[in-house]
Amino acid sequence: MSDKIRSNAVFALARHFRFQWEEAQGGYVLLYPEGMVKLNGGAGEVLKRVDGKKTAGEIVDELKAAFPDVPDLEGDVMAMLELAYGKAWIEHKTNF
């Protein structure tokens, strides 16, 4: 496995996780049978775009359009995808 996410990689939420806005937490969360992961705002913005269809590059492009003033957005998005993949929150749908 590569330790870098390629821009043509496609991911989906892993089978046992559910992504949602949680009003009580004031943010996005990942729910799973044993508990919950509270996501910061940036992580939530990335994961809400992980749908099993969009490539990592398309996710970056969407976020660049939504947040044009954020420096090094591509690096941050790729780092978040690497983290989520490493923690098995998301599954790989295409070859790296």
Protein backbone atom coordinates (compact mmCIF):
# COMPACT_ATOMS: atom_id res chain seq x y z
CA MET A 1 0.00 0.00 0.00
CA SER A 2 1.22 3.45 -0.88
CA ASP A 3 1.44 6.01 1.89
CA LYS A 4 0.28 8.70 -0.54
CA ILE A 5 -3.22 9.13 -1.89
CA ARG A 6 -3.37 9.63 -5.64
CA SER A 7 -5.73 12.18 -7.13
CA ASN A 8 -7.59 9.48 -9.12
CA ALA A 9 -8.33 7.37 -6.01
CA VAL A 10 -11.99 6.92 -5.09
CA PHE A 11 -13.15 6.17 -1.55
CA ALA A 12 -16.42 5.38 0.19
CA LEU A 13 -17.34 5.38 3.84
CA ALA A 14 -16.44 2.04 5.42
CA ARG A 15 -19.32 -0.36 5.91
CA HIS A 16 -19.72 -0.01 9.68
CA PHE A 17 -19.58 3.78 9.80
CA ARG A 18 -22.30 6.38 9.38
CA PHE A 19 -21.47 10.02 8.74
CA GLN A 20 -23.89 12.66 9.99
CA TRP A 21 -24.32 16.11 11.50
CA GLU A 22 -24.84 15.80 15.24
CA GLU A 23 -26.51 18.86 16.70
CA ALA A 24 -25.61 17.86 20.29
CA GLN A 25 -21.92 17.73 19.27
CA GLY A 26 -22.11 20.88 17.18
CA GLY A 27 -20.45 19.19 14.23
CA TYR A 28 -20.08 16.20 11.97
CA VAL A 29 -19.47 12.78 13.49
CA LEU A 30 -18.74 9.24 12.40
CA LEU A 31 -20.95 6.77 14.21
CA TYR A 32 -20.01 3.11 14.51
CA PRO A 33 -21.25 0.23 16.67
CA GLU A 34 -18.74 0.85 19.47
CA GLY A 35 -18.97 4.63 19.59
CA MET A 36 -18.50 7.91 17.82
CA VAL A 37 -15.71 10.04 16.34
CA LYS A 38 -16.29 13.80 16.50
CA LEU A 39 -14.75 15.46 13.45
CA ASN A 40 -13.38 18.98 13.25
CA GLY A 41 -14.87 21.26 10.61
CA GLY A 42 -12.27 20.54 7.93
CA ALA A 43 -12.46 16.78 8.39
CA GLY A 44 -16.24 16.94 8.17
CA GLU A 45 -16.08 18.93 4.93
CA VAL A 46 -13.78 16.31 3.40
CA LEU A 47 -15.70 13.25 4.56
CA LYS A 48 -19.10 14.60 3.54
CA ARG A 49 -17.77 14.53 -0.04
CA VAL A 50 -16.52 10.92 0.14
CA ASP A 51 -19.30 9.13 -1.73
CA GLY A 52 -17.72 6.23 -3.61
CA LYS A 53 -17.90 8.18 -6.88
CA LYS A 54 -15.76 11.29 -6.59
CA THR A 55 -12.01 11.03 -6.97
CA ALA A 56 -9.71 12.59 -4.40
CA GLY A 57 -8.89 15.22 -7.02
CA GLU A 58 -12.55 16.07 -7.50
CA ILE A 59 -12.96 16.43 -3.74
CA VAL A 60 -9.98 18.80 -3.68
CA ASP A 61 -11.48 20.83 -6.55
CA GLU A 62 -14.87 21.11 -4.79
CA LEU A 63 -13.23 22.27 -1.59
CA LYS A 64 -11.01 24.77 -3.42
CA ALA A 65 -14.14 26.26 -4.97
CA ALA A 66 -15.96 26.33 -1.61
CA PHE A 67 -12.99 27.69 0.37
CA PRO A 68 -10.80 29.66 -2.10
CA ASP A 69 -8.82 31.48 0.59
CA VAL A 70 -7.51 28.39 2.42
CA PRO A 71 -3.78 27.93 1.79
CA ASP A 72 -2.42 24.40 1.06
CA LEU A 73 -5.93 23.02 0.86
CA GLU A 74 -4.85 20.14 -1.40
CA GLY A 75 -2.24 18.98 1.11
CA ASP A 76 -4.75 19.17 3.95
CA VAL A 77 -7.39 17.20 2.04
CA MET A 78 -4.94 14.48 1.02
CA ALA A 79 -3.65 14.25 4.60
CA MET A 80 -7.22 13.86 5.88
CA LEU A 81 -7.94 11.12 3.32
CA GLU A 82 -4.72 9.33 4.34
CA LEU A 83 -5.70 9.56 8.01
CA ALA A 84 -9.26 8.34 7.37
CA TYR A 85 -7.99 5.46 5.23
CA GLY A 86 -5.37 4.53 7.82
CA LYS A 87 -8.03 4.43 10.54
CA ALA A 88 -10.34 2.35 8.26
CA TRP A 89 -13.06 5.03 8.28
CA ILE A 90 -13.09 4.92 4.47
CA GLU A 91 -12.59 2.13 1.95
CA HIS A 92 -10.65 2.27 -1.27
CA LYS A 93 -12.83 1.84 -4.39
CA THR A 94 -10.19 2.15 -7.14
CA ASN A 95 -6.52 1.37 -7.53
CA PHE A 96 -3.95 3.84 -6.24
